[in-house]
C-alpha atoms as a PDB file:
ATOM      1  CA  MET A   1      83.079  70.736  75.130  1.00  0.00           C
ATOM      2  CA  ALA A   2      83.226  74.376  75.609  1.00  0.00           C
ATOM      3  CA  ARG A   3      84.822  77.512  74.298  1.00  0.00           C
ATOM      4  CA  ILE A   4      86.808  79.370  77.061  1.00  0.00           C
ATOM      5  CA  LEU A   5      88.553  82.539  76.982  1.00  0.00           C
ATOM      6  CA  ILE A   6      91.487  82.901  79.303  1.00  0.00           C
ATOM      7  CA  THR A   7      93.091  86.249  80.457  1.00  0.00           C
ATOM      8  CA  SER A   8      96.797  86.108  81.207  1.00  0.00           C
ATOM      9  CA  GLY A   9      99.703  88.052  81.977  1.00  0.00           C
ATOM     10  CA  PRO A  10     100.467  91.702  82.998  1.00  0.00           C
ATOM     11  CA  THR A  11      99.679  94.694  81.101  1.00  0.00           C
ATOM     12  CA  ARG A  12     101.584  97.708  80.433  1.00  0.00           C
ATOM     13  CA  GLN A  13     100.555 101.310  81.111  1.00  0.00           C
ATOM     14  CA  TYR A  14     102.872 103.804  79.383  1.00  0.00           C
ATOM     15  CA  LEU A  15     104.254 107.153  81.099  1.00  0.00           C
ATOM     16  CA  ASP A  16     106.283 108.207  77.779  1.00  0.00           C
ATOM     17  CA  PRO A  17     107.386 106.567  74.869  1.00  0.00           C
ATOM     18  CA  VAL A  18     109.805 104.238  76.876  1.00  0.00           C
ATOM     19  CA  ARG A  19     108.461 103.958  80.378  1.00  0.00           C
ATOM     20  CA  TYR A  20     105.574 102.237  81.696  1.00  0.00           C
ATOM     21  CA  LEU A  21     103.837 101.244  84.945  1.00  0.00           C
ATOM     22  CA  THR A  22     103.297  97.101  85.072  1.00  0.00           C
ATOM     23  CA  ASN A  23     103.673  94.465  87.331  1.00  0.00           C
ATOM     24  CA  ALA A  24     105.734  91.123  87.577  1.00  0.00           C
ATOM     25  CA  SER A  25     102.840  88.535  86.071  1.00  0.00           C
ATOM     26  CA  SER A  26     104.478  86.009  84.245  1.00  0.00           C
ATOM     27  CA  GLY A  27     101.580  84.434  82.445  1.00  0.00           C
ATOM     28  CA  ARG A  28     102.489  80.848  83.841  1.00  0.00           C
ATOM     29  CA  MET A  29      99.108  80.436  85.599  1.00  0.00           C
ATOM     30  CA  GLY A  30      97.229  81.396  82.368  1.00  0.00           C
ATOM     31  CA  ALA A  31      99.421  79.099  80.340  1.00  0.00           C
ATOM     32  CA  ALA A  32      98.991  76.118  82.796  1.00  0.00           C
ATOM     33  CA  LEU A  33      95.153  76.698  82.502  1.00  0.00           C
ATOM     34  CA  ALA A  34      95.101  76.578  79.028  1.00  0.00           C
ATOM     35  CA  VAL A  35      96.986  73.133  78.647  1.00  0.00           C
ATOM     36  CA  ALA A  36      94.666  71.950  81.488  1.00  0.00           C
ATOM     37  CA  ALA A  37      91.245  73.016  79.500  1.00  0.00           C
ATOM     38  CA  ILE A  38      92.933  71.863  76.241  1.00  0.00           C
ATOM     39  CA  ASP A  39      93.479  68.347  77.756  1.00  0.00           C
ATOM     40  CA  GLN A  40      89.993  68.380  79.237  1.00  0.00           C
ATOM     41  CA  GLY A  41      89.047  68.533  75.096  1.00  0.00           C
ATOM     42  CA  HIS A  42      87.658  72.454  75.356  1.00  0.00           C
ATOM     43  CA  GLU A  43      88.794  75.249  72.853  1.00  0.00           C
ATOM     44  CA  VAL A  44      90.693  77.977  74.345  1.00  0.00           C
ATOM     45  CA  VAL A  45      91.205  81.316  73.263  1.00  0.00           C
ATOM     46  CA  ILE A  46      93.973  83.448  75.011  1.00  0.00           C
ATOM     47  CA  VAL A  47      94.092  87.097  75.600  1.00  0.00           C
ATOM     48  CA  SER A  48      97.527  87.805  76.589  1.00  0.00           C
ATOM     49  CA  GLY A  49      99.671  90.721  77.810  1.00  0.00           C
ATOM     50  CA  PRO A  50     103.362  90.698  77.073  1.00  0.00           C
ATOM     51  CA  VAL A  51     104.998  87.528  78.475  1.00  0.00           C
ATOM     52  CA  SER A  52     107.776  85.447  77.660  1.00  0.00           C
ATOM     53  CA  VAL A  53     106.037  81.847  78.451  1.00  0.00           C
ATOM     54  CA  ASP A  54     104.955  79.693  75.630  1.00  0.00           C
ATOM     55  CA  TYR A  55     101.250  79.005  75.128  1.00  0.00           C
ATOM     56  CA  PRO A  56      99.869  75.758  73.615  1.00  0.00           C
ATOM     57  CA  SER A  57      99.653  76.001  70.008  1.00  0.00           C
ATOM     58  CA  ALA A  58      96.258  74.588  70.336  1.00  0.00           C
ATOM     59  CA  ALA A  59      94.991  77.871  71.526  1.00  0.00           C
ATOM     60  CA  ARG A  60      94.060  81.004  70.030  1.00  0.00           C
ATOM     61  CA  LEU A  61      96.308  83.618  70.976  1.00  0.00           C
ATOM     62  CA  ILE A  62      95.436  87.147  71.021  1.00  0.00           C
ATOM     63  CA  PRO A  63      98.636  89.381  72.048  1.00  0.00           C
ATOM     64  CA  VAL A  64      97.497  92.952  73.804  1.00  0.00           C
ATOM     65  CA  VAL A  65      99.459  95.452  75.605  1.00  0.00           C
ATOM     66  CA  THR A  66      97.495  97.848  77.624  1.00  0.00           C
ATOM     67  CA  THR A  67      94.496  97.172  79.900  1.00  0.00           C
ATOM     68  CA  ASP A  68      91.989  98.825  77.702  1.00  0.00           C
ATOM     69  CA  GLU A  69      93.279  96.651  74.684  1.00  0.00           C
ATOM     70  CA  MET A  70      92.722  93.519  77.061  1.00  0.00           C
ATOM     71  CA  LEU A  71      89.328  94.808  77.452  1.00  0.00           C
ATOM     72  CA  ALA A  72      88.373  95.461  74.128  1.00  0.00           C
ATOM     73  CA  ALA A  73      89.975  91.866  72.591  1.00  0.00           C
ATOM     74  CA  SER A  74      88.493  90.072  75.696  1.00  0.00           C
ATOM     75  CA  THR A  75      84.767  91.434  75.426  1.00  0.00           C
ATOM     76  CA  ALA A  76      84.638  90.873  71.548  1.00  0.00           C
ATOM     77  CA  ALA A  77      86.104  87.133  72.313  1.00  0.00           C
ATOM     78  CA  PHE A  78      83.879  86.192  74.937  1.00  0.00           C
ATOM     79  CA  ALA A  79      80.756  87.002  72.717  1.00  0.00           C
ATOM     80  CA  ASP A  80      81.360  83.905  71.196  1.00  0.00           C
ATOM     81  CA  CYS A  81      82.782  81.685  74.192  1.00  0.00           C
ATOM     82  CA  ASP A  82      80.777  79.591  76.796  1.00  0.00           C
ATOM     83  CA  GLY A  83      82.912  80.865  79.859  1.00  0.00           C
ATOM     84  CA  ALA A  84      86.097  83.043  80.983  1.00  0.00           C
ATOM     85  CA  ILE A  85      88.829  82.605  83.304  1.00  0.00           C
ATOM     86  CA  GLY A  86      90.209  85.856  84.125  1.00  0.00           C
ATOM     87  CA  ALA A  87      93.869  84.930  85.154  1.00  0.00           C
ATOM     88  CA  ALA A  88      95.332  88.211  83.691  1.00  0.00           C
ATOM     89  CA  ALA A  89      96.934  90.620  86.246  1.00  0.00           C
ATOM     90  CA  PRO A  90      96.038  94.164  84.433  1.00  0.00           C
ATOM     91  CA  CYS A  91      97.723  97.174  85.410  1.00  0.00           C
ATOM     92  CA  ASP A  92      95.136  98.619  87.610  1.00  0.00           C
ATOM     93  CA  TYR A  93      96.405 102.359  87.145  1.00  0.00           C
ATOM     94  CA  MET A  94      97.486 104.646  84.340  1.00  0.00           C
ATOM     95  CA  PRO A  95      98.730 108.242  84.051  1.00  0.00           C
ATOM     96  CA  ARG A  96      96.053 110.615  83.428  1.00  0.00           C
ATOM     97  CA  PHE A  97      98.661 112.379  81.050  1.00  0.00           C
ATOM     98  CA  ILE A  98     101.063 110.086  78.656  1.00  0.00           C
ATOM     99  CA  GLN A  99     103.876 112.230  77.660  1.00  0.00           C
ATOM    100  CA  THR A 100     104.878 112.315  73.968  1.00  0.00           C
ATOM    101  CA  GLN A 101     108.396 112.395  74.543  1.00  0.00           C
ATOM    102  CA  LYS A 102     110.930 110.910  76.939  1.00  0.00           C
ATOM    103  CA  ILE A 103     110.539 112.651  80.469  1.00  0.00           C
ATOM    104  CA  ALA A 104     113.815 113.926  81.251  1.00  0.00           C
ATOM    105  CA  LYS A 105     115.263 113.892  84.668  1.00  0.00           C
ATOM    106  CA  THR A 106     115.609 117.536  86.519  1.00  0.00           C
ATOM    107  CA  GLY A 107     117.052 116.351  89.780  1.00  0.00           C
ATOM    108  CA  GLU A 108     113.544 117.263  91.626  1.00  0.00           C
ATOM    109  CA  PRO A 109     110.699 115.074  92.474  1.00  0.00           C
ATOM    110  CA  LEU A 110     108.500 113.912  89.599  1.00  0.00           C
ATOM    111  CA  GLN A 111     104.534 113.518  90.500  1.00  0.00           C
ATOM    112  CA  LEU A 112     102.625 111.397  88.430  1.00  0.00           C
ATOM    113  CA  GLU A 113      98.438 111.693  88.535  1.00  0.00           C
ATOM    114  CA  LEU A 114      97.070 108.262  88.046  1.00  0.00           C
ATOM    115  CA  VAL A 115      93.508 106.942  87.303  1.00  0.00           C
ATOM    116  CA  GLU A 116      92.183 103.723  87.453  1.00  0.00           C
ATOM    117  CA  THR A 117      91.874 101.580  84.148  1.00  0.00           C
ATOM    118  CA  ALA A 118      88.812  99.339  83.370  1.00  0.00           C
ATOM    119  CA  ASP A 119      88.402  96.068  85.285  1.00  0.00           C
ATOM    120  CA  VAL A 120      88.266  93.558  82.910  1.00  0.00           C
ATOM    121  CA  VAL A 121      86.798  90.724  84.758  1.00  0.00           C
ATOM    122  CA  ALA A 122      83.898  92.984  85.981  1.00  0.00           C
ATOM    123  CA  MET A 123      83.039  94.203  82.588  1.00  0.00           C
ATOM    124  CA  LEU A 124      83.083  90.302  81.326  1.00  0.00           C
ATOM    125  CA  GLY A 125      80.765  89.669  84.253  1.00  0.00           C
ATOM    126  CA  GLN A 126      78.508  92.438  83.671  1.00  0.00           C
ATOM    127  CA  LYS A 127      78.085  91.601  80.219  1.00  0.00           C
ATOM    128  CA  LYS A 128      77.786  87.862  80.462  1.00  0.00           C
ATOM    129  CA  ARG A 129      74.452  86.110  79.029  1.00  0.00           C
ATOM    130  CA  PRO A 130      72.780  83.607  81.260  1.00  0.00           C
ATOM    131  CA  ASN A 131      74.397  80.767  79.663  1.00  0.00           C
ATOM    132  CA  GLN A 132      77.842  82.213  80.293  1.00  0.00           C
ATOM    133  CA  TRP A 133      79.987  82.331  83.047  1.00  0.00           C
ATOM    134  CA  VAL A 134      83.079  83.943  84.552  1.00  0.00           C
ATOM    135  CA  VAL A 135      85.645  82.960  87.013  1.00  0.00           C
ATOM    136  CA  GLY A 136      87.757  85.523  88.308  1.00  0.00           C
ATOM    137  CA  PHE A 137      91.498  85.487  89.900  1.00  0.00           C
ATOM    138  CA  ALA A 138      91.858  87.800  93.201  1.00  0.00           C
ATOM    139  CA  LEU A 139      95.518  88.272  94.533  1.00  0.00           C
ATOM    140  CA  GLU A 140      95.617  90.073  97.796  1.00  0.00           C
ATOM    141  CA  THR A 141      98.062  90.641 100.653  1.00  0.00           C
ATOM    142  CA  GLU A 142      95.524  90.358 103.547  1.00  0.00           C
ATOM    143  CA  ASP A 143      92.127  88.902 104.559  1.00  0.00           C
ATOM    144  CA  ARG A 144      92.272  86.895 101.308  1.00  0.00           C
ATOM    145  CA  ARG A 145      89.019  85.117 101.771  1.00  0.00           C
ATOM    146  CA  PHE A 146      86.963  88.019 102.673  1.00  0.00           C
ATOM    147  CA  ARG A 147      88.547  90.231  99.880  1.00  0.00           C
ATOM    148  CA  ALA A 148      88.095  87.556  96.947  1.00  0.00           C
ATOM    149  CA  THR A 149      84.701  87.213  98.349  1.00  0.00           C
ATOM    150  CA  VAL A 150      83.727  90.848  97.780  1.00  0.00           C
ATOM    151  CA  LYS A 151      85.455  90.748  94.675  1.00  0.00           C
ATOM    152  CA  LEU A 152      83.346  87.893  93.270  1.00  0.00           C
ATOM    153  CA  GLU A 153      80.302  89.691  94.283  1.00  0.00           C
ATOM    154  CA  LYS A 154      81.369  93.019  92.611  1.00  0.00           C
ATOM    155  CA  LYS A 155      82.644  91.453  89.493  1.00  0.00           C
ATOM    156  CA  CYS A 156      79.507  89.457  88.982  1.00  0.00           C
ATOM    157  CA  CYS A 157      81.861  86.036  89.226  1.00  0.00           C
ATOM    158  CA  ASP A 158      80.165  82.571  89.442  1.00  0.00           C
ATOM    159  CA  LEU A 159      83.488  81.512  91.258  1.00  0.00           C
ATOM    160  CA  ILE A 160      86.717  83.181  92.015  1.00  0.00           C
ATOM    161  CA  VAL A 161      90.524  82.158  92.936  1.00  0.00           C
ATOM    162  CA  SER A 162      91.983  83.677  95.870  1.00  0.00           C
ATOM    163  CA  ASN A 163      95.652  83.765  96.034  1.00  0.00           C
ATOM    164  CA  GLY A 164      98.368  85.930  97.093  1.00  0.00           C
ATOM    165  CA  PRO A 165     101.873  87.638  95.921  1.00  0.00           C
ATOM    166  CA  GLN A 166     103.725  84.524  96.353  1.00  0.00           C
ATOM    167  CA  ALA A 167     102.339  83.422  93.006  1.00  0.00           C
ATOM    168  CA  ILE A 168     103.424  86.129  91.180  1.00  0.00           C
ATOM    169  CA  ASP A 169     106.659  84.740  88.788  1.00  0.00           C
ATOM    170  CA  SER A 170     106.649  81.694  90.592  1.00  0.00           C
ATOM    171  CA  ASN A 171     106.386  78.170  89.720  1.00  0.00           C
ATOM    172  CA  GLU A 172     103.838  77.404  92.437  1.00  0.00           C
ATOM    173  CA  ASN A 173     100.470  78.583  93.713  1.00  0.00           C
ATOM    174  CA  ASP A 174      98.567  78.080  96.694  1.00  0.00           C
ATOM    175  CA  VAL A 175      94.866  78.964  95.749  1.00  0.00           C
ATOM    176  CA  GLU A 176      91.439  78.757  97.127  1.00  0.00           C
ATOM    177  CA  LEU A 177      88.344  78.357  94.725  1.00  0.00           C
ATOM    178  CA  ILE A 178      85.488  80.313  96.519  1.00  0.00           C
ATOM    179  CA  ASN A 179      81.850  80.009  95.132  1.00  0.00           C
ATOM    180  CA  ARG A 180      79.027  82.649  95.173  1.00  0.00           C
ATOM    181  CA  GLU A 181      78.129  81.503  98.447  1.00  0.00           C
ATOM    182  CA  GLY A 182      81.174  82.556  99.954  1.00  0.00           C
ATOM    183  CA  ALA A 183      82.359  78.521 100.310  1.00  0.00           C
ATOM    184  CA  VAL A 184      85.666  77.521  99.531  1.00  0.00           C
ATOM    185  CA  ILE A 185      84.868  74.308  97.516  1.00  0.00           C
ATOM    186  CA  ALA A 186      88.710  73.415  97.275  1.00  0.00           C
ATOM    187  CA  SER A 187      92.240  74.572  98.306  1.00  0.00           C
ATOM    188  CA  ILE A 188      94.821  73.571  96.102  1.00  0.00           C
ATOM    189  CA  HIS A 189      98.656  73.843  96.668  1.00  0.00           C
ATOM    190  CA  GLY A 190     101.792  72.842  94.149  1.00  0.00           C
ATOM    191  CA  ASP A 191     102.898  73.603  90.713  1.00  0.00           C
ATOM    192  CA  LYS A 192     100.979  75.589  88.597  1.00  0.00           C
ATOM    193  CA  GLU A 193     100.418  72.992  86.416  1.00  0.00           C
ATOM    194  CA  HIS A 194      98.814  70.803  89.325  1.00  0.00           C
ATOM    195  CA  VAL A 195      96.666  73.857  90.596  1.00  0.00           C
ATOM    196  CA  ALA A 196      95.677  74.310  86.963  1.00  0.00           C
ATOM    197  CA  ARG A 197      94.252  70.857  86.342  1.00  0.00           C
ATOM    198  CA  GLU A 198      92.622  70.814  89.510  1.00  0.00           C
ATOM    199  CA  LEU A 199      90.974  74.269  89.103  1.00  0.00           C
ATOM    200  CA  MET A 200      89.548  73.199  85.651  1.00  0.00           C
ATOM    201  CA  SER A 201      88.192  69.733  86.909  1.00  0.00           C
ATOM    202  CA  LYS A 202      86.447  71.747  89.900  1.00  0.00           C
ATOM    203  CA  ILE A 203      85.178  74.505  87.529  1.00  0.00           C
ATOM    204  CA  SER A 204      84.021  71.816  85.069  1.00  0.00           C
ATOM    205  CA  GLU A 205      82.376  70.341  87.720  1.00  0.00           C
ATOM    206  CA  GLN A 206      80.513  73.651  89.134  1.00  0.00           C
ATOM    207  CA  LEU A 207      79.734  75.559  85.416  1.00  0.00           C
ATOM    208  CA  SER A 208      80.082  73.243  82.703  1.00  0.00           C
END
């Protein structure tokens, strides 16, 4: 069986000591994938941002907060893994300058200068060895299949899971699994546990 890295949950990018940018990712999809992988007999390492879900005790959990921390932990863990599934929703932007003190209200508009964070899945895709594989997730609000296929190529993924914003903090998901040729090899709908089992079955068929 394989050792699989799963990234899960959101990350946080702090503006000052108490405020941060993030998203509503719950970590449920990552947790469901971890359970499904373990049930298949795989060894699982989870790199997760701050969530309230419970991950399976059989998995090795590495908690992180920021996108840079997720990248560093994922890169280190991936070196000893056969594959990775990027189910996390890392924060895509961070402030150029982080204030050391709480930003005080002044009654005037506050302008923030944001810069892009590192792309965790793309970095894993670029670093993978010939015997390793990477599956990404692409959450899009429009042109889902096309945008997911573009991301698959840019991030050097072997497969990509396309889903929409309805998946965020939801018990259900509606996904398409797309291969490197741009073909949809599975369309899956249901609760995240069902979706995870079907995804892991297809991933095993295609990549293991």
